[in-house]
Amino acid sequence: MKSTFNVLFFVKKDKQKINGSYPIFVRITIDGVASHFNSKLDVQPKLWDGKAGKAAGRSAEATRINRLLDDINTSLNTIYHELQRCDNYVTAEKVKNEFLGHSENHDTILNLFQKHNDDVKQLVGISKTIATYRKYEVTRRHLAEFIQSKYNLSDISIKEITPDVHYRL
């Protein structure tokens, strides 16, 4: 699924520091939904070009800030494309959390099903039969085929599963 992705750098003029500098914030926007965070970089007001979203001039300080902003931008783009490749469901909040190291690791439905089947396999001969285990394996295989044919995905994150309100009895 194609989505719009944008990274913008801006200063928070209401958060001026004692030395007169402003913190540089990062806004990530995906499909019109934004999330922002502090880049932990500061810039003097005379160096900041608000329209360009970067430090102006060729001073050593401006060059250093712009290099760090480019690094942040590159990292965010890499994270976005990696999440899009793996999850196929990307939000600005997910990109921000991954960048800041606060990412949540959500299991996928087929991974959870496999963990369940592994648990059942351990119980074969104790409280489960081999036939029960085989039925669960067949069910997992059918679920994988359904996800592939219906959604053209190899697996789906549990977080993406929502109740279908249009079901029929």
N, C-alpha and C. Protein backbone atom coordinates (compact mmCIF):
# COMPACT_ATOMS: atom_id res chain seq x y z
N MET A 1 0.84 -1.17 0.00
CA MET A 1 0.00 0.00 0.00
C MET A 1 0.89 1.24 0.00
N LYS A 2 0.66 2.15 -0.92
CA LYS A 2 1.45 3.36 -1.05
C LYS A 2 0.95 4.40 -0.06
N SER A 3 1.87 5.06 0.61
CA SER A 3 1.49 6.11 1.55
C SER A 3 2.43 7.30 1.37
N THR A 4 1.98 8.45 1.86
CA THR A 4 2.81 9.64 1.78
C THR A 4 3.67 9.73 3.03
N PHE A 5 4.92 10.08 2.86
CA PHE A 5 5.86 10.16 3.97
C PHE A 5 6.65 11.45 3.84
N ASN A 6 6.74 12.20 4.94
CA ASN A 6 7.47 13.46 4.91
C ASN A 6 8.14 13.69 6.26
N VAL A 7 9.34 14.27 6.22
CA VAL A 7 10.08 14.66 7.42
C VAL A 7 10.35 16.15 7.33
N LEU A 8 10.05 16.86 8.41
CA LEU A 8 10.22 18.31 8.47
C LEU A 8 10.94 18.67 9.76
N PHE A 9 11.89 19.59 9.66
CA PHE A 9 12.60 20.10 10.83
C PHE A 9 12.11 21.52 11.10
N PHE A 10 11.85 21.83 12.37
CA PHE A 10 11.40 23.17 12.74
C PHE A 10 11.89 23.50 14.14
N VAL A 11 11.97 24.80 14.44
CA VAL A 11 12.39 25.23 15.78
C VAL A 11 11.16 25.59 16.60
N LYS A 12 11.25 25.34 17.89
CA LYS A 12 10.18 25.70 18.83
C LYS A 12 10.58 27.02 19.46
N LYS A 13 10.02 28.10 18.94
CA LYS A 13 10.40 29.43 19.42
C LYS A 13 9.89 29.71 20.83
N ASP A 14 8.92 28.95 21.29
CA ASP A 14 8.41 29.14 22.65
C ASP A 14 9.25 28.40 23.69
N LYS A 15 10.29 27.72 23.26
CA LYS A 15 11.16 26.95 24.16
C LYS A 15 12.59 27.47 24.15
N GLN A 16 12.76 28.78 24.05
CA GLN A 16 14.09 29.37 23.96
C GLN A 16 14.91 29.05 25.21
N LYS A 17 16.16 28.68 24.98
CA LYS A 17 17.06 28.31 26.06
C LYS A 17 17.75 29.57 26.61
N ILE A 18 18.44 29.42 27.71
CA ILE A 18 19.10 30.54 28.38
C ILE A 18 20.13 31.20 27.46
N ASN A 19 20.83 30.41 26.65
CA ASN A 19 21.84 30.95 25.75
C ASN A 19 21.25 31.56 24.48
N GLY A 20 19.91 31.59 24.36
CA GLY A 20 19.24 32.20 23.21
C GLY A 20 18.94 31.24 22.07
N SER A 21 19.40 30.02 22.17
CA SER A 21 19.16 29.05 21.09
C SER A 21 17.78 28.41 21.24
N TYR A 22 17.32 27.84 20.13
CA TYR A 22 16.03 27.16 20.09
C TYR A 22 16.26 25.68 19.83
N PRO A 23 15.42 24.81 20.42
CA PRO A 23 15.53 23.39 20.11
C PRO A 23 14.95 23.10 18.72
N ILE A 24 15.57 22.17 18.02
CA ILE A 24 15.09 21.76 16.70
C ILE A 24 14.23 20.51 16.89
N PHE A 25 13.00 20.58 16.40
CA PHE A 25 12.08 19.45 16.49
C PHE A 25 11.95 18.80 15.12
N VAL A 26 11.53 17.54 15.13
CA VAL A 26 11.33 16.77 13.91
C VAL A 26 9.86 16.40 13.83
N ARG A 27 9.24 16.66 12.68
CA ARG A 27 7.85 16.24 12.46
C ARG A 27 7.85 15.21 11.34
N ILE A 28 7.30 14.04 11.67
CA ILE A 28 7.13 12.96 10.69
C ILE A 28 5.65 12.94 10.33
N THR A 29 5.34 12.96 9.04
CA THR A 29 3.96 12.90 8.60
C THR A 29 3.80 11.73 7.64
N ILE A 30 2.82 10.87 7.95
CA ILE A 30 2.49 9.75 7.07
C ILE A 30 0.98 9.79 6.85
N ASP A 31 0.58 9.91 5.59
CA ASP A 31 -0.83 9.97 5.21
C ASP A 31 -1.59 11.04 5.99
N GLY A 32 -0.96 12.19 6.19
CA GLY A 32 -1.61 13.32 6.84
C GLY A 32 -1.62 13.28 8.35
N VAL A 33 -1.11 12.20 8.96
CA VAL A 33 -1.06 12.10 10.42
C VAL A 33 0.38 12.33 10.86
N ALA A 34 0.55 13.30 11.78
CA ALA A 34 1.90 13.71 12.17
C ALA A 34 2.25 13.26 13.58
N SER A 35 3.54 13.15 13.80
CA SER A 35 4.11 12.88 15.11
C SER A 35 5.40 13.67 15.18
N HIS A 36 5.69 14.28 16.31
CA HIS A 36 6.93 15.05 16.40
C HIS A 36 7.69 14.74 17.68
N PHE A 37 8.98 15.07 17.64
CA PHE A 37 9.85 14.84 18.79
C PHE A 37 11.03 15.80 18.71
N ASN A 38 11.69 15.96 19.84
CA ASN A 38 12.85 16.84 19.94
C ASN A 38 14.07 16.11 19.39
N SER A 39 14.80 16.77 18.51
CA SER A 39 15.99 16.17 17.93
C SER A 39 17.18 16.24 18.86
N LYS A 40 17.05 16.97 19.96
CA LYS A 40 18.12 17.21 20.93
C LYS A 40 19.23 18.08 20.34
N LEU A 41 18.92 18.79 19.27
CA LEU A 41 19.85 19.75 18.69
C LEU A 41 19.31 21.15 18.95
N ASP A 42 20.22 22.10 19.12
CA ASP A 42 19.85 23.50 19.31
C ASP A 42 20.48 24.34 18.21
N VAL A 43 19.82 25.46 17.91
CA VAL A 43 20.33 26.35 16.88
C VAL A 43 20.08 27.80 17.30
N GLN A 44 21.02 28.66 16.99
CA GLN A 44 20.84 30.09 17.23
C GLN A 44 19.86 30.63 16.20
N PRO A 45 18.96 31.55 16.60
CA PRO A 45 17.93 32.04 15.68
C PRO A 45 18.48 32.62 14.37
N LYS A 46 19.65 33.26 14.45
CA LYS A 46 20.23 33.87 13.24
C LYS A 46 20.70 32.82 12.23
N LEU A 47 20.92 31.59 12.68
CA LEU A 47 21.38 30.53 11.78
C LEU A 47 20.24 29.75 11.13
N TRP A 48 19.03 29.83 11.67
CA TRP A 48 17.95 28.96 11.22
C TRP A 48 17.19 29.54 10.03
N ASP A 49 17.03 28.73 8.98
CA ASP A 49 16.22 29.08 7.83
C ASP A 49 14.94 28.25 7.91
N GLY A 50 13.85 28.89 8.34
CA GLY A 50 12.59 28.19 8.56
C GLY A 50 11.99 27.60 7.30
N LYS A 51 12.13 28.30 6.17
CA LYS A 51 11.56 27.79 4.92
C LYS A 51 12.27 26.54 4.44
N ALA A 52 13.59 26.54 4.58
CA ALA A 52 14.38 25.37 4.14
C ALA A 52 14.39 24.26 5.20
N GLY A 53 14.09 24.61 6.43
CA GLY A 53 14.11 23.62 7.50
C GLY A 53 15.51 23.14 7.84
N LYS A 54 16.46 24.07 7.76
CA LYS A 54 17.84 23.73 8.09
C LYS A 54 18.60 25.00 8.45
N ALA A 55 19.83 24.81 8.90
CA ALA A 55 20.67 25.95 9.25
C ALA A 55 21.18 26.61 7.97
N ALA A 56 21.21 27.93 7.99
CA ALA A 56 21.65 28.69 6.81
C ALA A 56 23.12 29.07 6.96
N GLY A 57 23.78 29.20 5.84
CA GLY A 57 25.17 29.64 5.84
C GLY A 57 26.15 28.50 5.74
N ARG A 58 27.44 28.88 5.76
CA ARG A 58 28.50 27.88 5.61
C ARG A 58 29.41 27.82 6.83
N SER A 59 28.94 28.36 7.93
CA SER A 59 29.75 28.32 9.14
C SER A 59 29.90 26.87 9.60
N ALA A 60 30.89 26.65 10.44
CA ALA A 60 31.14 25.31 10.95
C ALA A 60 29.92 24.80 11.72
N GLU A 61 29.28 25.70 12.48
CA GLU A 61 28.10 25.32 13.27
C GLU A 61 26.93 24.93 12.35
N ALA A 62 26.69 25.73 11.31
CA ALA A 62 25.61 25.43 10.37
C ALA A 62 25.86 24.12 9.65
N THR A 63 27.08 23.89 9.25
CA THR A 63 27.44 22.65 8.56
C THR A 63 27.25 21.45 9.48
N ARG A 64 27.65 21.58 10.74
CA ARG A 64 27.49 20.48 11.71
C ARG A 64 26.01 20.17 11.93
N ILE A 65 25.20 21.20 12.12
CA ILE A 65 23.77 21.00 12.35
C ILE A 65 23.12 20.33 11.13
N ASN A 66 23.42 20.84 9.94
CA ASN A 66 22.82 20.28 8.73
C ASN A 66 23.25 18.84 8.49
N ARG A 67 24.49 18.51 8.83
CA ARG A 67 24.96 17.13 8.68
C ARG A 67 24.17 16.21 9.63
N LEU A 68 23.97 16.66 10.88
CA LEU A 68 23.21 15.86 11.84
C LEU A 68 21.74 15.73 11.42
N LEU A 69 21.16 16.81 10.88
CA LEU A 69 19.78 16.75 10.40
C LEU A 69 19.66 15.79 9.22
N ASP A 70 20.65 15.80 8.34
CA ASP A 70 20.66 14.85 7.22
C ASP A 70 20.73 13.41 7.72
N ASP A 71 21.54 13.18 8.75
CA ASP A 71 21.64 11.84 9.33
C ASP A 71 20.30 11.39 9.91
N ILE A 72 19.62 12.29 10.62
CA ILE A 72 18.31 11.98 11.18
C ILE A 72 17.32 11.66 10.06
N ASN A 73 17.32 12.49 9.02
CA ASN A 73 16.41 12.29 7.89
C ASN A 73 16.67 10.94 7.22
N THR A 74 17.92 10.61 7.01
CA THR A 74 18.28 9.34 6.38
C THR A 74 17.83 8.16 7.25
N SER A 75 18.05 8.26 8.54
CA SER A 75 17.64 7.19 9.46
C SER A 75 16.13 7.01 9.45
N LEU A 76 15.39 8.11 9.47
CA LEU A 76 13.93 8.03 9.46
C LEU A 76 13.42 7.42 8.17
N ASN A 77 14.02 7.78 7.04
CA ASN A 77 13.63 7.18 5.76
C ASN A 77 13.91 5.69 5.73
N THR A 78 15.06 5.30 6.25
CA THR A 78 15.41 3.87 6.29
C THR A 78 14.42 3.11 7.16
N ILE A 79 14.10 3.65 8.33
CA ILE A 79 13.15 3.02 9.24
C ILE A 79 11.79 2.90 8.57
N TYR A 80 11.34 3.98 7.93
CA TYR A 80 10.04 3.97 7.26
C TYR A 80 9.97 2.85 6.21
N HIS A 81 10.99 2.77 5.36
CA HIS A 81 10.97 1.77 4.29
C HIS A 81 11.09 0.35 4.86
N GLU A 82 11.86 0.18 5.92
CA GLU A 82 11.99 -1.14 6.53
C GLU A 82 10.66 -1.57 7.17
N LEU A 83 10.01 -0.65 7.88
CA LEU A 83 8.70 -0.97 8.47
C LEU A 83 7.67 -1.26 7.39
N GLN A 84 7.71 -0.51 6.31
CA GLN A 84 6.76 -0.74 5.22
C GLN A 84 6.99 -2.11 4.59
N ARG A 85 8.24 -2.51 4.49
CA ARG A 85 8.56 -3.82 3.91
C ARG A 85 8.13 -4.96 4.83
N CYS A 86 8.33 -4.79 6.13
CA CYS A 86 8.03 -5.86 7.09
C CYS A 86 6.59 -5.89 7.54
N ASP A 87 6.06 -4.73 7.95
CA ASP A 87 4.73 -4.68 8.55
C ASP A 87 3.63 -4.39 7.55
N ASN A 88 3.95 -3.65 6.52
CA ASN A 88 2.97 -3.19 5.54
C ASN A 88 1.94 -2.25 6.17
N TYR A 89 2.15 -1.87 7.42
CA TYR A 89 1.27 -0.93 8.11
C TYR A 89 2.18 0.00 8.90
N VAL A 90 2.37 1.22 8.41
CA VAL A 90 3.32 2.14 9.01
C VAL A 90 2.60 3.41 9.42
N THR A 91 2.88 3.87 10.63
CA THR A 91 2.36 5.15 11.12
C THR A 91 3.54 6.02 11.51
N ALA A 92 3.28 7.32 11.61
CA ALA A 92 4.32 8.26 12.02
C ALA A 92 4.80 7.92 13.43
N GLU A 93 3.88 7.51 14.27
CA GLU A 93 4.22 7.14 15.65
C GLU A 93 5.14 5.93 15.69
N LYS A 94 4.90 4.94 14.82
CA LYS A 94 5.76 3.75 14.77
C LYS A 94 7.17 4.11 14.32
N VAL A 95 7.27 4.99 13.32
CA VAL A 95 8.59 5.41 12.83
C VAL A 95 9.33 6.17 13.94
N LYS A 96 8.62 7.08 14.60
CA LYS A 96 9.23 7.86 15.69
C LYS A 96 9.71 6.92 16.81
N ASN A 97 8.86 6.00 17.22
CA ASN A 97 9.22 5.09 18.31
C ASN A 97 10.40 4.20 17.95
N GLU A 98 10.44 3.75 16.72
CA GLU A 98 11.58 2.93 16.27
C GLU A 98 12.86 3.76 16.28
N PHE A 99 12.80 5.00 15.82
CA PHE A 99 13.96 5.88 15.80
C PHE A 99 14.46 6.17 17.21
N LEU A 100 13.53 6.40 18.14
CA LEU A 100 13.89 6.73 19.52
C LEU A 100 14.22 5.49 20.35
N GLY A 101 14.03 4.31 19.77
CA GLY A 101 14.33 3.08 20.50
C GLY A 101 13.22 2.63 21.41
N HIS A 102 12.01 3.12 21.18
CA HIS A 102 10.87 2.75 22.00
C HIS A 102 9.94 1.82 21.25
N SER A 103 10.45 1.14 20.27
CA SER A 103 9.58 0.33 19.42
C SER A 103 8.97 -0.82 20.19
N GLU A 104 7.75 -1.11 19.82
CA GLU A 104 7.04 -2.24 20.40
C GLU A 104 7.19 -3.40 19.43
N ASN A 105 7.45 -4.56 19.96
CA ASN A 105 7.58 -5.72 19.10
C ASN A 105 6.27 -6.51 19.18
N HIS A 106 5.45 -6.38 18.15
CA HIS A 106 4.17 -7.06 18.12
C HIS A 106 4.30 -8.37 17.37
N ASP A 107 3.77 -9.40 17.98
CA ASP A 107 3.79 -10.70 17.33
C ASP A 107 2.84 -10.71 16.14
N THR A 108 3.09 -11.63 15.26
CA THR A 108 2.20 -11.83 14.13
C THR A 108 1.32 -13.03 14.41
N ILE A 109 0.23 -13.12 13.69
CA ILE A 109 -0.74 -14.18 13.95
C ILE A 109 -0.14 -15.56 13.69
N LEU A 110 0.64 -15.70 12.63
CA LEU A 110 1.21 -17.02 12.32
C LEU A 110 2.32 -17.40 13.30
N ASN A 111 3.08 -16.40 13.79
CA ASN A 111 4.09 -16.71 14.81
C ASN A 111 3.44 -17.18 16.10
N LEU A 112 2.36 -16.51 16.50
CA LEU A 112 1.66 -16.93 17.72
C LEU A 112 1.05 -18.33 17.54
N PHE A 113 0.52 -18.57 16.36
CA PHE A 113 -0.07 -19.88 16.09
C PHE A 113 1.02 -20.96 16.16
N GLN A 114 2.20 -20.64 15.62
CA GLN A 114 3.30 -21.61 15.67
C GLN A 114 3.75 -21.87 17.10
N LYS A 115 3.80 -20.83 17.94
CA LYS A 115 4.15 -21.01 19.35
C LYS A 115 3.12 -21.92 20.03
N HIS A 116 1.86 -21.70 19.71
CA HIS A 116 0.80 -22.56 20.26
C HIS A 116 1.02 -24.00 19.83
N ASN A 117 1.28 -24.21 18.55
CA ASN A 117 1.50 -25.57 18.04
C ASN A 117 2.72 -26.23 18.67
N ASP A 118 3.76 -25.44 18.91
CA ASP A 118 4.95 -25.98 19.57
C ASP A 118 4.61 -26.43 21.00
N ASP A 119 3.76 -25.64 21.68
CA ASP A 119 3.33 -26.01 23.03
C ASP A 119 2.51 -27.31 23.00
N VAL A 120 1.62 -27.41 22.02
CA VAL A 120 0.80 -28.62 21.89
C VAL A 120 1.70 -29.82 21.60
N LYS A 121 2.70 -29.63 20.77
CA LYS A 121 3.62 -30.74 20.42
C LYS A 121 4.32 -31.27 21.68
N GLN A 122 4.65 -30.37 22.60
CA GLN A 122 5.29 -30.78 23.85
C GLN A 122 4.35 -31.64 24.72
N LEU A 123 3.04 -31.45 24.51
CA LEU A 123 2.05 -32.16 25.32
C LEU A 123 1.57 -33.46 24.68
N VAL A 124 2.07 -33.77 23.46
CA VAL A 124 1.67 -35.01 22.81
C VAL A 124 2.14 -36.18 23.67
N GLY A 125 1.21 -37.10 23.95
CA GLY A 125 1.51 -38.25 24.79
C GLY A 125 1.24 -37.98 26.26
N ILE A 126 1.08 -36.73 26.63
CA ILE A 126 0.78 -36.38 28.02
C ILE A 126 -0.70 -36.05 28.15
N SER A 127 -1.11 -34.99 27.49
CA SER A 127 -2.53 -34.62 27.54
C SER A 127 -3.11 -34.37 26.14
N LYS A 128 -2.29 -34.47 25.10
CA LYS A 128 -2.75 -34.27 23.72
C LYS A 128 -2.34 -35.47 22.88
N THR A 129 -3.10 -35.70 21.81
CA THR A 129 -2.75 -36.79 20.90
C THR A 129 -2.01 -36.23 19.69
N ILE A 130 -1.34 -37.08 18.97
CA ILE A 130 -0.64 -36.66 17.75
C ILE A 130 -1.63 -36.15 16.72
N ALA A 131 -2.85 -36.71 16.72
CA ALA A 131 -3.88 -36.27 15.78
C ALA A 131 -4.28 -34.81 16.05
N THR A 132 -4.37 -34.46 17.32
CA THR A 132 -4.70 -33.07 17.68
C THR A 132 -3.62 -32.13 17.18
N TYR A 133 -2.37 -32.49 17.40
CA TYR A 133 -1.25 -31.67 16.93
C TYR A 133 -1.29 -31.51 15.41
N ARG A 134 -1.54 -32.57 14.70
CA ARG A 134 -1.58 -32.51 13.23
C ARG A 134 -2.73 -31.62 12.75
N LYS A 135 -3.86 -31.67 13.44
CA LYS A 135 -4.99 -30.81 13.07
C LYS A 135 -4.62 -29.33 13.25
N TYR A 136 -3.91 -29.00 14.31
CA TYR A 136 -3.47 -27.62 14.51
C TYR A 136 -2.48 -27.19 13.43
N GLU A 137 -1.61 -28.09 13.02
CA GLU A 137 -0.65 -27.78 11.95
C GLU A 137 -1.37 -27.52 10.63
N VAL A 138 -2.38 -28.33 10.33
CA VAL A 138 -3.17 -28.14 9.11
C VAL A 138 -3.91 -26.80 9.17
N THR A 139 -4.46 -26.49 10.34
CA THR A 139 -5.18 -25.22 10.51
C THR A 139 -4.24 -24.04 10.30
N ARG A 140 -3.03 -24.12 10.83
CA ARG A 140 -2.06 -23.04 10.64
C ARG A 140 -1.72 -22.87 9.16
N ARG A 141 -1.53 -23.98 8.48
CA ARG A 141 -1.21 -23.93 7.05
C ARG A 141 -2.36 -23.29 6.26
N HIS A 142 -3.60 -23.66 6.59
CA HIS A 142 -4.76 -23.07 5.91
C HIS A 142 -4.86 -21.57 6.21
N LEU A 143 -4.57 -21.17 7.44
CA LEU A 143 -4.59 -19.75 7.79
C LEU A 143 -3.53 -18.98 7.00
N ALA A 144 -2.35 -19.56 6.86
CA ALA A 144 -1.28 -18.91 6.09
C ALA A 144 -1.69 -18.76 4.62
N GLU A 145 -2.32 -19.78 4.07
CA GLU A 145 -2.79 -19.70 2.69
C GLU A 145 -3.89 -18.65 2.54
N PHE A 146 -4.78 -18.56 3.52
CA PHE A 146 -5.84 -17.55 3.49
C PHE A 146 -5.26 -16.14 3.53
N ILE A 147 -4.33 -15.90 4.43
CA ILE A 147 -3.71 -14.57 4.54
C ILE A 147 -3.03 -14.21 3.23
N GLN A 148 -2.36 -15.18 2.62
CA GLN A 148 -1.66 -14.93 1.35
C GLN A 148 -2.66 -14.61 0.24
N SER A 149 -3.73 -15.39 0.13
CA SER A 149 -4.67 -15.18 -0.97
C SER A 149 -5.56 -13.96 -0.75
N LYS A 150 -6.00 -13.72 0.47
CA LYS A 150 -6.92 -12.62 0.75
C LYS A 150 -6.21 -11.27 0.81
N TYR A 151 -5.05 -11.21 1.46
CA TYR A 151 -4.36 -9.93 1.71
C TYR A 151 -3.03 -9.80 0.97
N ASN A 152 -2.60 -10.86 0.30
CA ASN A 152 -1.33 -10.88 -0.42
C ASN A 152 -0.16 -10.54 0.52
N LEU A 153 -0.23 -11.09 1.75
CA LEU A 153 0.81 -10.91 2.75
C LEU A 153 1.25 -12.27 3.26
N SER A 154 2.48 -12.35 3.74
CA SER A 154 2.95 -13.61 4.30
C SER A 154 2.52 -13.78 5.74
N ASP A 155 2.19 -12.68 6.43
CA ASP A 155 1.74 -12.73 7.81
C ASP A 155 1.14 -11.36 8.18
N ILE A 156 0.39 -11.31 9.27
CA ILE A 156 -0.25 -10.07 9.70
C ILE A 156 0.05 -9.85 11.17
N SER A 157 0.43 -8.63 11.52
CA SER A 157 0.66 -8.28 12.91
C SER A 157 -0.65 -8.36 13.68
N ILE A 158 -0.58 -8.84 14.91
CA ILE A 158 -1.78 -8.94 15.75
C ILE A 158 -2.42 -7.57 15.92
N LYS A 159 -1.60 -6.53 16.00
CA LYS A 159 -2.10 -5.17 16.21
C LYS A 159 -2.98 -4.69 15.05
N GLU A 160 -2.76 -5.25 13.86
CA GLU A 160 -3.52 -4.84 12.69
C GLU A 160 -4.88 -5.52 12.58
N ILE A 161 -5.11 -6.55 13.36
CA ILE A 161 -6.36 -7.28 13.27
C ILE A 161 -7.44 -6.52 14.01
N THR A 162 -8.52 -6.25 13.29
CA THR A 162 -9.65 -5.55 13.88
C THR A 162 -10.90 -6.39 13.69
N PRO A 163 -11.88 -6.25 14.59
CA PRO A 163 -13.10 -7.03 14.42
C PRO A 163 -13.86 -6.59 13.18
N ASP A 164 -14.40 -7.55 12.46
CA ASP A 164 -15.20 -7.26 11.27
C ASP A 164 -16.64 -7.07 11.71
N VAL A 165 -17.14 -5.84 11.58
CA VAL A 165 -18.50 -5.55 12.04
C VAL A 165 -19.56 -5.95 11.03
N HIS A 166 -19.12 -6.45 9.87
CA HIS A 166 -20.06 -6.83 8.82
C HIS A 166 -20.19 -8.34 8.69
N TYR A 167 -19.97 -9.06 9.77
CA TYR A 167 -20.07 -10.51 9.70
C TYR A 167 -21.52 -10.96 9.62
N ARG A 168 -21.72 -12.14 9.10
CA ARG A 168 -23.06 -12.70 8.95
C ARG A 168 -23.19 -13.92 9.84
N LEU A 169 -24.33 -14.07 10.46
CA LEU A 169 -24.57 -15.25 11.30
C LEU A 169 -25.15 -16.38 10.49
